[in-house]
Amino acid sequence: MLFGAPDLLTSAIVVITVILGLGTIFLLCGLLYIYWGNYRETKSGYAVGLLLFASALLLQNILLTATYFISILDHWYEGIVMFALILFEFIALSILFKISWE
């Protein structure tokens, strides 16, 4: 049993969700790098706000991914909501990262 999940579908949902969570964490680290560079150049309050926002979101994603990594699900449908949330957040942060990189 992978991550304590009783069946293959549940295990797959947990693994994919954890991978997306880690991807989200890496995207947020990249955004923090970009925003820190912007702050060093401009010293603007807007850049500080972006740094604080990305930092709070990073902490939330680290805690959420760690919690999901150690949780035990009995059925695949118990993890589908978390999977959907992480997927949409990953897509949104990917778009934000692409825009911020340019």
N, C-alpha and C. Protein backbone atom coordinates (compact mmCIF):
# COMPACT_ATOMS: atom_id res chain seq x y z
N MET A 1 0.84 -1.19 0.00
CA MET A 1 0.00 0.00 0.00
C MET A 1 0.88 1.24 0.00
N LEU A 2 0.75 2.04 -1.04
CA LEU A 2 1.52 3.25 -1.19
C LEU A 2 0.88 4.38 -0.40
N PHE A 3 1.62 5.00 0.50
CA PHE A 3 1.14 6.08 1.35
C PHE A 3 -0.09 5.68 2.16
N GLY A 4 -0.29 4.41 2.41
CA GLY A 4 -1.41 3.96 3.21
C GLY A 4 -2.71 3.84 2.44
N ALA A 5 -2.69 4.03 1.15
CA ALA A 5 -3.90 3.97 0.35
C ALA A 5 -4.26 2.51 0.04
N PRO A 6 -5.55 2.16 0.10
CA PRO A 6 -5.95 0.76 -0.06
C PRO A 6 -6.02 0.28 -1.51
N ASP A 7 -6.08 1.14 -2.48
CA ASP A 7 -6.18 0.66 -3.85
C ASP A 7 -5.31 1.50 -4.78
N LEU A 8 -5.17 1.04 -6.00
CA LEU A 8 -4.28 1.66 -6.97
C LEU A 8 -4.72 3.07 -7.36
N LEU A 9 -6.02 3.27 -7.58
CA LEU A 9 -6.53 4.59 -7.97
C LEU A 9 -6.28 5.62 -6.87
N THR A 10 -6.55 5.24 -5.64
CA THR A 10 -6.31 6.15 -4.52
C THR A 10 -4.83 6.47 -4.40
N SER A 11 -3.99 5.45 -4.57
CA SER A 11 -2.55 5.67 -4.52
C SER A 11 -2.10 6.61 -5.62
N ALA A 12 -2.64 6.43 -6.81
CA ALA A 12 -2.27 7.30 -7.94
C ALA A 12 -2.68 8.74 -7.68
N ILE A 13 -3.87 8.95 -7.13
CA ILE A 13 -4.33 10.31 -6.82
C ILE A 13 -3.42 10.95 -5.78
N VAL A 14 -3.03 10.19 -4.77
CA VAL A 14 -2.14 10.72 -3.73
C VAL A 14 -0.79 11.08 -4.33
N VAL A 15 -0.21 10.20 -5.13
CA VAL A 15 1.10 10.44 -5.72
C VAL A 15 1.07 11.65 -6.65
N ILE A 16 0.06 11.74 -7.51
CA ILE A 16 -0.04 12.86 -8.44
C ILE A 16 -0.25 14.16 -7.68
N THR A 17 -1.07 14.13 -6.64
CA THR A 17 -1.31 15.34 -5.85
C THR A 17 -0.04 15.80 -5.15
N VAL A 18 0.73 14.88 -4.60
CA VAL A 18 1.99 15.24 -3.95
C VAL A 18 2.97 15.80 -4.97
N ILE A 19 3.05 15.20 -6.16
CA ILE A 19 3.94 15.70 -7.21
C ILE A 19 3.53 17.11 -7.63
N LEU A 20 2.22 17.34 -7.81
CA LEU A 20 1.74 18.68 -8.15
C LEU A 20 2.02 19.66 -7.02
N GLY A 21 1.89 19.21 -5.79
CA GLY A 21 2.21 20.06 -4.64
C GLY A 21 3.67 20.46 -4.63
N LEU A 22 4.55 19.52 -4.93
CA LEU A 22 5.98 19.84 -5.00
C LEU A 22 6.26 20.78 -6.17
N GLY A 23 5.57 20.57 -7.29
CA GLY A 23 5.72 21.48 -8.42
C GLY A 23 5.27 22.89 -8.07
N THR A 24 4.19 22.98 -7.33
CA THR A 24 3.70 24.29 -6.88
C THR A 24 4.71 24.97 -5.97
N ILE A 25 5.32 24.19 -5.09
CA ILE A 25 6.36 24.73 -4.20
C ILE A 25 7.53 25.27 -5.01
N PHE A 26 7.97 24.54 -6.02
CA PHE A 26 9.07 25.01 -6.86
C PHE A 26 8.68 26.27 -7.65
N LEU A 27 7.45 26.32 -8.15
CA LEU A 27 6.99 27.53 -8.84
C LEU A 27 7.01 28.73 -7.91
N LEU A 28 6.55 28.54 -6.68
CA LEU A 28 6.54 29.64 -5.72
C LEU A 28 7.96 30.07 -5.36
N CYS A 29 8.89 29.14 -5.27
CA CYS A 29 10.29 29.51 -5.03
C CYS A 29 10.82 30.34 -6.20
N GLY A 30 10.46 29.96 -7.42
CA GLY A 30 10.85 30.74 -8.59
C GLY A 30 10.25 32.13 -8.57
N LEU A 31 8.98 32.24 -8.18
CA LEU A 31 8.34 33.55 -8.09
C LEU A 31 9.01 34.40 -7.01
N LEU A 32 9.35 33.79 -5.89
CA LEU A 32 10.06 34.54 -4.85
C LEU A 32 11.39 35.06 -5.37
N TYR A 33 12.10 34.28 -6.14
CA TYR A 33 13.36 34.71 -6.74
C TYR A 33 13.14 35.92 -7.65
N ILE A 34 12.12 35.84 -8.49
CA ILE A 34 11.81 36.95 -9.41
C ILE A 34 11.41 38.19 -8.64
N TYR A 35 10.53 38.02 -7.65
CA TYR A 35 10.04 39.17 -6.89
C TYR A 35 11.15 39.79 -6.05
N TRP A 36 12.08 38.97 -5.53
CA TRP A 36 13.20 39.51 -4.77
C TRP A 36 14.09 40.36 -5.68
N GLY A 37 14.32 39.89 -6.89
CA GLY A 37 15.10 40.67 -7.85
C GLY A 37 14.41 41.99 -8.19
N ASN A 38 13.09 41.95 -8.35
CA ASN A 38 12.33 43.18 -8.61
C ASN A 38 12.42 44.14 -7.44
N TYR A 39 12.35 43.60 -6.23
CA TYR A 39 12.43 44.46 -5.06
C TYR A 39 13.80 45.12 -4.94
N ARG A 40 14.86 44.36 -5.20
CA ARG A 40 16.21 44.92 -5.12
C ARG A 40 16.39 46.06 -6.13
N GLU A 41 15.76 45.96 -7.28
CA GLU A 41 15.89 47.00 -8.30
C GLU A 41 15.02 48.22 -8.01
N THR A 42 13.80 47.99 -7.54
CA THR A 42 12.84 49.09 -7.43
C THR A 42 12.59 49.58 -6.01
N LYS A 43 12.78 48.73 -5.02
CA LYS A 43 12.48 49.06 -3.61
C LYS A 43 11.04 49.53 -3.44
N SER A 44 10.12 48.95 -4.21
CA SER A 44 8.73 49.40 -4.15
C SER A 44 7.93 48.58 -3.14
N GLY A 45 6.89 49.20 -2.63
CA GLY A 45 5.97 48.53 -1.71
C GLY A 45 5.21 47.41 -2.40
N TYR A 46 4.96 47.58 -3.68
CA TYR A 46 4.27 46.55 -4.46
C TYR A 46 5.09 45.27 -4.48
N ALA A 47 6.40 45.38 -4.65
CA ALA A 47 7.28 44.21 -4.66
C ALA A 47 7.30 43.54 -3.29
N VAL A 48 7.25 44.32 -2.22
CA VAL A 48 7.19 43.76 -0.87
C VAL A 48 5.89 42.98 -0.70
N GLY A 49 4.80 43.53 -1.19
CA GLY A 49 3.52 42.83 -1.13
C GLY A 49 3.55 41.51 -1.87
N LEU A 50 4.17 41.50 -3.05
CA LEU A 50 4.30 40.26 -3.81
C LEU A 50 5.17 39.25 -3.07
N LEU A 51 6.24 39.71 -2.44
CA LEU A 51 7.09 38.82 -1.66
C LEU A 51 6.33 38.21 -0.49
N LEU A 52 5.58 39.03 0.22
CA LEU A 52 4.81 38.53 1.36
C LEU A 52 3.72 37.55 0.91
N PHE A 53 3.05 37.88 -0.18
CA PHE A 53 2.01 37.00 -0.71
C PHE A 53 2.59 35.65 -1.13
N ALA A 54 3.68 35.67 -1.88
CA ALA A 54 4.29 34.43 -2.33
C ALA A 54 4.84 33.62 -1.15
N SER A 55 5.37 34.30 -0.15
CA SER A 55 5.90 33.61 1.03
C SER A 55 4.78 32.91 1.81
N ALA A 56 3.66 33.60 2.00
CA ALA A 56 2.53 33.01 2.70
C ALA A 56 1.98 31.81 1.92
N LEU A 57 1.87 31.96 0.62
CA LEU A 57 1.37 30.87 -0.21
C LEU A 57 2.35 29.69 -0.21
N LEU A 58 3.63 29.98 -0.17
CA LEU A 58 4.64 28.92 -0.10
C LEU A 58 4.52 28.14 1.20
N LEU A 59 4.40 28.83 2.30
CA LEU A 59 4.25 28.16 3.60
C LEU A 59 2.99 27.30 3.61
N GLN A 60 1.90 27.84 3.10
CA GLN A 60 0.65 27.08 3.04
C GLN A 60 0.81 25.82 2.21
N ASN A 61 1.49 25.91 1.08
CA ASN A 61 1.66 24.75 0.21
C ASN A 61 2.61 23.72 0.81
N ILE A 62 3.63 24.16 1.51
CA ILE A 62 4.53 23.20 2.18
C ILE A 62 3.76 22.41 3.23
N LEU A 63 2.99 23.11 4.05
CA LEU A 63 2.22 22.43 5.09
C LEU A 63 1.14 21.53 4.50
N LEU A 64 0.47 22.00 3.46
CA LEU A 64 -0.59 21.22 2.84
C LEU A 64 -0.05 19.97 2.16
N THR A 65 1.05 20.11 1.44
CA THR A 65 1.63 18.95 0.75
C THR A 65 2.16 17.94 1.77
N ALA A 66 2.79 18.41 2.81
CA ALA A 66 3.28 17.50 3.85
C ALA A 66 2.13 16.78 4.53
N THR A 67 1.05 17.48 4.81
CA THR A 67 -0.12 16.87 5.43
C THR A 67 -0.73 15.82 4.51
N TYR A 68 -0.85 16.15 3.23
CA TYR A 68 -1.43 15.22 2.29
C TYR A 68 -0.52 14.02 2.07
N PHE A 69 0.77 14.22 2.15
CA PHE A 69 1.74 13.14 1.97
C PHE A 69 1.59 12.08 3.05
N ILE A 70 1.29 12.49 4.28
CA ILE A 70 1.20 11.54 5.39
C ILE A 70 -0.22 11.10 5.69
N SER A 71 -1.21 11.68 5.02
CA SER A 71 -2.60 11.31 5.32
C SER A 71 -2.92 9.93 4.74
N ILE A 72 -3.90 9.30 5.34
CA ILE A 72 -4.35 7.99 4.88
C ILE A 72 -5.77 8.15 4.33
N LEU A 73 -5.92 7.80 3.07
CA LEU A 73 -7.23 7.86 2.42
C LEU A 73 -7.78 6.45 2.27
N ASP A 74 -9.08 6.32 2.46
CA ASP A 74 -9.70 5.01 2.29
C ASP A 74 -10.26 4.81 0.89
N HIS A 75 -10.67 5.89 0.24
CA HIS A 75 -11.28 5.80 -1.09
C HIS A 75 -10.74 6.91 -1.98
N TRP A 76 -10.77 6.69 -3.28
CA TRP A 76 -10.22 7.65 -4.23
C TRP A 76 -10.95 8.98 -4.16
N TYR A 77 -12.26 8.98 -3.92
CA TYR A 77 -13.03 10.21 -3.94
C TYR A 77 -12.72 11.12 -2.75
N GLU A 78 -12.07 10.61 -1.73
CA GLU A 78 -11.67 11.46 -0.62
C GLU A 78 -10.54 12.41 -1.00
N GLY A 79 -9.76 12.06 -1.98
CA GLY A 79 -8.63 12.88 -2.37
C GLY A 79 -8.86 13.70 -3.62
N ILE A 80 -9.99 13.53 -4.27
CA ILE A 80 -10.21 14.19 -5.56
C ILE A 80 -10.35 15.71 -5.42
N VAL A 81 -10.92 16.18 -4.34
CA VAL A 81 -11.06 17.64 -4.14
C VAL A 81 -9.69 18.28 -3.97
N MET A 82 -8.86 17.66 -3.15
CA MET A 82 -7.51 18.19 -2.96
C MET A 82 -6.73 18.15 -4.26
N PHE A 83 -6.88 17.07 -5.02
CA PHE A 83 -6.22 16.96 -6.31
C PHE A 83 -6.64 18.10 -7.23
N ALA A 84 -7.94 18.38 -7.29
CA ALA A 84 -8.44 19.44 -8.16
C ALA A 84 -7.92 20.81 -7.72
N LEU A 85 -7.89 21.07 -6.43
CA LEU A 85 -7.40 22.34 -5.92
C LEU A 85 -5.92 22.54 -6.25
N ILE A 86 -5.13 21.51 -6.02
CA ILE A 86 -3.70 21.60 -6.32
C ILE A 86 -3.48 21.76 -7.82
N LEU A 87 -4.25 21.05 -8.63
CA LEU A 87 -4.11 21.15 -10.08
C LEU A 87 -4.40 22.57 -10.56
N PHE A 88 -5.51 23.15 -10.11
CA PHE A 88 -5.86 24.51 -10.53
C PHE A 88 -4.85 25.53 -10.02
N GLU A 89 -4.36 25.34 -8.80
CA GLU A 89 -3.35 26.25 -8.25
C GLU A 89 -2.05 26.14 -9.05
N PHE A 90 -1.66 24.92 -9.42
CA PHE A 90 -0.46 24.72 -10.22
C PHE A 90 -0.59 25.41 -11.57
N ILE A 91 -1.73 25.28 -12.22
CA ILE A 91 -1.95 25.92 -13.51
C ILE A 91 -1.90 27.44 -13.37
N ALA A 92 -2.57 27.98 -12.35
CA ALA A 92 -2.58 29.43 -12.14
C ALA A 92 -1.18 29.97 -11.85
N LEU A 93 -0.42 29.26 -11.02
CA LEU A 93 0.93 29.71 -10.70
C LEU A 93 1.88 29.56 -11.90
N SER A 94 1.64 28.57 -12.74
CA SER A 94 2.44 28.42 -13.96
C SER A 94 2.24 29.63 -14.87
N ILE A 95 0.99 30.05 -15.00
CA ILE A 95 0.69 31.24 -15.83
C ILE A 95 1.33 32.48 -15.22
N LEU A 96 1.21 32.63 -13.89
CA LEU A 96 1.81 33.78 -13.21
C LEU A 96 3.33 33.76 -13.34
N PHE A 97 3.93 32.60 -13.24
CA PHE A 97 5.37 32.48 -13.36
C PHE A 97 5.82 32.89 -14.78
N LYS A 98 5.10 32.41 -15.79
CA LYS A 98 5.45 32.75 -17.17
C LYS A 98 5.36 34.26 -17.41
N ILE A 99 4.30 34.88 -16.89
CA ILE A 99 4.11 36.32 -17.05
C ILE A 99 5.18 37.09 -16.28
N SER A 100 5.49 36.63 -15.07
CA SER A 100 6.48 37.32 -14.24
C SER A 100 7.89 37.16 -14.79
N TRP A 101 8.18 36.07 -15.45
CA TRP A 101 9.51 35.82 -15.98
C TRP A 101 9.84 36.76 -17.14
N GLU A 102 8.82 37.17 -17.88
CA GLU A 102 9.04 38.00 -19.07
C GLU A 102 9.36 39.42 -18.72
